């Protein structure tokens, strides 16, 4: 038996010992696993029973493990219960973790996608306008600098590029 089957078996035994079938109704664990009483077991125990049966039959192979359908090990089941995440895997990640947000009812309504898009376009237009204004200011500064240079070089009485100074 693979080590993963041993973990599942131990988890199933513990689940059965804590179940109502064994503790209150005083049935044996073997009786609780049989047909009439097995439907009264908690969902966790039923899943462990199914996983243990598949593991014993060797139906859990590497192809399923790479897809994420690995048997529920006791450690992952316990960590899933403590963290609140589901143990069911999809594409290597928990299928249900993070999909449900906890709310207290005081959250603002979600913003409409059109409002968000319009706001982004306004920001882009403002950025383009400020870039254009900066470009104009720089051009005006260059033009003033050029005019200043021409006025200072042209004051020398009759100087030109042809005659020299």
C-alpha atoms as a PDB file:
ATOM      1  CA  UNK A   1       0.000   0.000   0.000  1.00  0.00           C
ATOM      2  CA  UNK A   2       1.496   3.406  -0.933  1.00  0.00           C
ATOM      3  CA  UNK A   3       2.221   5.891   1.813  1.00  0.00           C
ATOM      4  CA  UNK A   4      -0.554   8.162   0.564  1.00  0.00           C
ATOM      5  CA  UNK A   5      -3.052   5.326   1.121  1.00  0.00           C
ATOM      6  CA  UNK A   6      -1.813   4.939   4.689  1.00  0.00           C
ATOM      7  CA  UNK A   7      -2.429   8.617   5.341  1.00  0.00           C
ATOM      8  CA  UNK A   8      -5.920   8.376   3.865  1.00  0.00           C
ATOM      9  CA  UNK A   9      -6.632   5.256   5.911  1.00  0.00           C
ATOM     10  CA  UNK A  10      -5.519   6.983   9.117  1.00  0.00           C
ATOM     11  CA  UNK A  11      -7.628  10.037   8.288  1.00  0.00           C
ATOM     12  CA  UNK A  12     -10.640   7.827   7.522  1.00  0.00           C
ATOM     13  CA  UNK A  13     -10.209   5.942  10.813  1.00  0.00           C
ATOM     14  CA  UNK A  14     -10.068   9.194  12.766  1.00  0.00           C
ATOM     15  CA  UNK A  15     -13.074  10.581  10.892  1.00  0.00           C
ATOM     16  CA  UNK A  16     -15.051   7.420  11.648  1.00  0.00           C
ATOM     17  CA  UNK A  17     -14.108   7.542  15.346  1.00  0.00           C
ATOM     18  CA  UNK A  18     -15.392  11.135  15.534  1.00  0.00           C
ATOM     19  CA  UNK A  19     -18.539  10.428  13.527  1.00  0.00           C
ATOM     20  CA  UNK A  20     -22.045  10.181  14.947  1.00  0.00           C
ATOM     21  CA  UNK A  21     -22.344   6.606  13.668  1.00  0.00           C
ATOM     22  CA  UNK A  22     -19.595   5.364  16.007  1.00  0.00           C
ATOM     23  CA  UNK A  23     -19.825   7.775  18.943  1.00  0.00           C
ATOM     24  CA  UNK A  24     -23.583   8.104  19.432  1.00  0.00           C
ATOM     25  CA  UNK A  25     -25.108   5.064  17.730  1.00  0.00           C
ATOM     26  CA  UNK A  26     -22.302   2.779  19.006  1.00  0.00           C
ATOM     27  CA  UNK A  27     -21.773   0.953  15.694  1.00  0.00           C
ATOM     28  CA  UNK A  28     -18.397  -0.452  14.752  1.00  0.00           C
ATOM     29  CA  UNK A  29     -16.317   1.417  12.189  1.00  0.00           C
ATOM     30  CA  UNK A  30     -16.669  -1.503   9.769  1.00  0.00           C
ATOM     31  CA  UNK A  31     -20.471  -1.371  10.079  1.00  0.00           C
ATOM     32  CA  UNK A  32     -20.472   2.381   9.466  1.00  0.00           C
ATOM     33  CA  UNK A  33     -18.604   1.848   6.187  1.00  0.00           C
ATOM     34  CA  UNK A  34     -21.286  -0.528   4.862  1.00  0.00           C
ATOM     35  CA  UNK A  35     -24.266   0.510   2.770  1.00  0.00           C
ATOM     36  CA  UNK A  36     -27.139   1.451   5.047  1.00  0.00           C
ATOM     37  CA  UNK A  37     -25.014   3.386   7.531  1.00  0.00           C
ATOM     38  CA  UNK A  38     -22.450   4.840   5.108  1.00  0.00           C
ATOM     39  CA  UNK A  39     -24.988   7.384   3.831  1.00  0.00           C
ATOM     40  CA  UNK A  40     -25.259   8.850   7.342  1.00  0.00           C
ATOM     41  CA  UNK A  41     -21.523   9.584   7.514  1.00  0.00           C
ATOM     42  CA  UNK A  42     -20.328  13.178   7.171  1.00  0.00           C
ATOM     43  CA  UNK A  43     -19.237  14.303   3.709  1.00  0.00           C
ATOM     44  CA  UNK A  44     -15.604  14.351   4.806  1.00  0.00           C
ATOM     45  CA  UNK A  45     -15.749  10.659   5.772  1.00  0.00           C
ATOM     46  CA  UNK A  46     -17.545   9.717   2.558  1.00  0.00           C
ATOM     47  CA  UNK A  47     -14.881  11.481   0.493  1.00  0.00           C
ATOM     48  CA  UNK A  48     -12.103   9.803   2.442  1.00  0.00           C
ATOM     49  CA  UNK A  49     -13.801   6.418   1.964  1.00  0.00           C
ATOM     50  CA  UNK A  50     -14.016   6.974  -1.789  1.00  0.00           C
ATOM     51  CA  UNK A  51     -10.421   8.223  -1.970  1.00  0.00           C
ATOM     52  CA  UNK A  52      -9.176   5.267   0.035  1.00  0.00           C
ATOM     53  CA  UNK A  53     -11.021   2.824  -2.228  1.00  0.00           C
ATOM     54  CA  UNK A  54      -9.542   4.434  -5.345  1.00  0.00           C
ATOM     55  CA  UNK A  55      -6.098   4.420  -3.798  1.00  0.00           C
ATOM     56  CA  UNK A  56      -6.379   0.727  -2.910  1.00  0.00           C
ATOM     57  CA  UNK A  57      -7.486  -0.131  -6.440  1.00  0.00           C
ATOM     58  CA  UNK A  58      -4.550   1.810  -7.854  1.00  0.00           C
ATOM     59  CA  UNK A  59      -6.755   4.220  -9.754  1.00  0.00           C
ATOM     60  CA  UNK A  60      -4.675   7.161  -8.597  1.00  0.00           C
ATOM     61  CA  UNK A  61      -1.838   7.206 -11.109  1.00  0.00           C
ATOM     62  CA  UNK A  62       0.659   9.843 -12.130  1.00  0.00           C
ATOM     63  CA  UNK A  63      -1.532  11.259 -14.895  1.00  0.00           C
ATOM     64  CA  UNK A  64      -4.213  12.136 -12.376  1.00  0.00           C
ATOM     65  CA  UNK A  65      -1.674  13.541  -9.962  1.00  0.00           C
ATOM     66  CA  UNK A  66      -0.287  15.894 -12.580  1.00  0.00           C
ATOM     67  CA  UNK A  67      -3.819  17.035 -13.356  1.00  0.00           C
ATOM     68  CA  UNK A  68      -4.323  17.741  -9.693  1.00  0.00           C
ATOM     69  CA  UNK A  69      -6.689  14.919  -8.733  1.00  0.00           C
ATOM     70  CA  UNK A  70      -4.481  13.512  -6.061  1.00  0.00           C
ATOM     71  CA  UNK A  71      -5.895  11.601  -3.105  1.00  0.00           C
ATOM     72  CA  UNK A  72      -6.830  13.694  -0.130  1.00  0.00           C
ATOM     73  CA  UNK A  73      -4.022  13.292   2.342  1.00  0.00           C
ATOM     74  CA  UNK A  74      -4.724  13.863   5.967  1.00  0.00           C
ATOM     75  CA  UNK A  75      -2.156  16.651   6.210  1.00  0.00           C
ATOM     76  CA  UNK A  76      -3.618  18.599   3.309  1.00  0.00           C
ATOM     77  CA  UNK A  77      -7.130  18.037   4.636  1.00  0.00           C
ATOM     78  CA  UNK A  78      -6.197  19.359   8.064  1.00  0.00           C
ATOM     79  CA  UNK A  79      -4.353  22.361   6.597  1.00  0.00           C
ATOM     80  CA  UNK A  80      -7.323  23.072   4.336  1.00  0.00           C
ATOM     81  CA  UNK A  81      -9.666  23.056   7.309  1.00  0.00           C
ATOM     82  CA  UNK A  82      -7.448  25.358   9.352  1.00  0.00           C
ATOM     83  CA  UNK A  83      -6.797  27.832   6.534  1.00  0.00           C
ATOM     84  CA  UNK A  84     -10.349  27.760   5.211  1.00  0.00           C
ATOM     85  CA  UNK A  85      -9.269  26.861   1.691  1.00  0.00           C
ATOM     86  CA  UNK A  86     -10.704  23.962  -0.236  1.00  0.00           C
ATOM     87  CA  UNK A  87      -8.536  20.951  -0.896  1.00  0.00           C
ATOM     88  CA  UNK A  88      -9.927  20.263  -4.370  1.00  0.00           C
ATOM     89  CA  UNK A  89      -7.271  21.072  -6.936  1.00  0.00           C
ATOM     90  CA  UNK A  90      -7.647  22.599 -10.361  1.00  0.00           C
ATOM     91  CA  UNK A  91      -4.519  23.214 -12.436  1.00  0.00           C
ATOM     92  CA  UNK A  92      -2.364  22.627  -9.387  1.00  0.00           C
ATOM     93  CA  UNK A  93      -4.102  25.301  -7.299  1.00  0.00           C
ATOM     94  CA  UNK A  94      -6.974  25.093  -4.904  1.00  0.00           C
ATOM     95  CA  UNK A  95     -10.205  25.290  -6.848  1.00  0.00           C
ATOM     96  CA  UNK A  96     -12.063  27.377  -4.313  1.00  0.00           C
ATOM     97  CA  UNK A  97      -9.441  29.470  -2.545  1.00  0.00           C
ATOM     98  CA  UNK A  98      -9.900  33.167  -2.975  1.00  0.00           C
ATOM     99  CA  UNK A  99     -13.074  32.821  -4.998  1.00  0.00           C
ATOM    100  CA  UNK A 100     -15.394  33.859  -2.186  1.00  0.00           C
ATOM    101  CA  UNK A 101     -14.817  37.176  -0.464  1.00  0.00           C
ATOM    102  CA  UNK A 102     -16.005  37.721   3.065  1.00  0.00           C
ATOM    103  CA  UNK A 103     -18.220  40.771   3.317  1.00  0.00           C
ATOM    104  CA  UNK A 104     -19.853  42.635   6.156  1.00  0.00           C
ATOM    105  CA  UNK A 105     -22.479  44.316   3.989  1.00  0.00           C
ATOM    106  CA  UNK A 106     -20.968  47.805   4.152  1.00  0.00           C
ATOM    107  CA  UNK A 107     -18.893  47.597   0.984  1.00  0.00           C
ATOM    108  CA  UNK A 108     -19.438  50.225  -1.687  1.00  0.00           C
ATOM    109  CA  UNK A 109     -21.034  48.929  -4.863  1.00  0.00           C
ATOM    110  CA  UNK A 110     -18.514  47.923  -7.535  1.00  0.00           C
ATOM    111  CA  UNK A 111     -17.667  50.646 -10.022  1.00  0.00           C
ATOM    112  CA  UNK A 112     -19.022  50.383 -13.528  1.00  0.00           C
ATOM    113  CA  UNK A 113     -16.385  49.426 -16.092  1.00  0.00           C
ATOM    114  CA  UNK A 114     -17.396  52.393 -18.266  1.00  0.00           C
ATOM    115  CA  UNK A 115     -16.639  54.852 -15.474  1.00  0.00           C
ATOM    116  CA  UNK A 116     -13.234  53.268 -14.926  1.00  0.00           C
ATOM    117  CA  UNK A 117     -12.467  53.378 -18.657  1.00  0.00           C
ATOM    118  CA  UNK A 118     -13.531  57.042 -18.912  1.00  0.00           C
ATOM    119  CA  UNK A 119     -11.356  57.930 -15.939  1.00  0.00           C
ATOM    120  CA  UNK A 120      -8.363  56.197 -17.539  1.00  0.00           C
ATOM    121  CA  UNK A 121      -8.971  58.071 -20.801  1.00  0.00           C
ATOM    122  CA  UNK A 122      -9.208  61.396 -18.927  1.00  0.00           C
ATOM    123  CA  UNK A 123      -5.894  60.682 -17.194  1.00  0.00           C
ATOM    124  CA  UNK A 124      -4.283  59.846 -20.532  1.00  0.00           C
ATOM    125  CA  UNK A 125      -5.670  63.050 -22.108  1.00  0.00           C
ATOM    126  CA  UNK A 126      -4.439  65.145 -19.164  1.00  0.00           C
ATOM    127  CA  UNK A 127      -0.980  63.588 -19.452  1.00  0.00           C
ATOM    128  CA  UNK A 128      -0.885  64.291 -23.200  1.00  0.00           C
ATOM    129  CA  UNK A 129      -2.016  67.901 -22.646  1.00  0.00           C
ATOM    130  CA  UNK A 130       0.651  68.495 -19.999  1.00  0.00           C
ATOM    131  CA  UNK A 131       3.310  67.025 -22.307  1.00  0.00           C
ATOM    132  CA  UNK A 132       2.136  69.342 -25.092  1.00  0.00           C
ATOM    133  CA  UNK A 133       2.261  72.353 -22.744  1.00  0.00           C
ATOM    134  CA  UNK A 134       5.788  71.418 -21.635  1.00  0.00           C
ATOM    135  CA  UNK A 135       6.873  71.080 -25.260  1.00  0.00           C
ATOM    136  CA  UNK A 136       5.478  74.550 -26.101  1.00  0.00           C
ATOM    137  CA  UNK A 137       7.213  76.114 -23.101  1.00  0.00           C
ATOM    138  CA  UNK A 138      10.512  74.540 -24.150  1.00  0.00           C
ATOM    139  CA  UNK A 139      10.068  75.767 -27.743  1.00  0.00           C
ATOM    140  CA  UNK A 140       9.294  79.303 -26.536  1.00  0.00           C
ATOM    141  CA  UNK A 141      12.370  79.225 -24.287  1.00  0.00           C
ATOM    142  CA  UNK A 142      14.533  78.092 -27.225  1.00  0.00           C
ATOM    143  CA  UNK A 143      13.051  80.814 -29.451  1.00  0.00           C
ATOM    144  CA  UNK A 144      13.774  83.490 -26.796  1.00  0.00           C
ATOM    145  CA  UNK A 145      17.301  82.160 -26.359  1.00  0.00           C
ATOM    146  CA  UNK A 146      17.865  82.229 -30.121  1.00  0.00           C
ATOM    147  CA  UNK A 147      16.463  85.769 -30.406  1.00  0.00           C
ATOM    148  CA  UNK A 148      18.666  86.872 -27.523  1.00  0.00           C
ATOM    149  CA  UNK A 149      21.755  85.420 -29.214  1.00  0.00           C
ATOM    150  CA  UNK A 150      20.871  87.055 -32.536  1.00  0.00           C
ATOM    151  CA  UNK A 151      20.286  90.442 -30.937  1.00  0.00           C
ATOM    152  CA  UNK A 152      23.578  90.288 -29.025  1.00  0.00           C
ATOM    153  CA  UNK A 153      25.595  89.183 -32.066  1.00  0.00           C
ATOM    154  CA  UNK A 154      23.900  91.609 -34.495  1.00  0.00           C
ATOM    155  CA  UNK A 155      24.672  94.812 -32.504  1.00  0.00           C
ATOM    156  CA  UNK A 156      28.221  95.086 -33.823  1.00  0.00           C
ATOM    157  CA  UNK A 157      27.575  97.572 -36.686  1.00  0.00           C
ATOM    158  CA  UNK A 158      27.539  96.083 -40.135  1.00  0.00           C
ATOM    159  CA  UNK A 159      28.647  92.625 -39.266  1.00  0.00           C
ATOM    160  CA  UNK A 160      27.318  89.861 -41.410  1.00  0.00           C
ATOM    161  CA  UNK A 161      28.260  86.403 -42.339  1.00  0.00           C
ATOM    162  CA  UNK A 162      29.681  87.575 -45.665  1.00  0.00           C
ATOM    163  CA  UNK A 163      31.817  90.486 -44.561  1.00  0.00           C
ATOM    164  CA  UNK A 164      32.666  89.214 -41.148  1.00  0.00           C
ATOM    165  CA  UNK A 165      33.203  91.499 -38.206  1.00  0.00           C
END
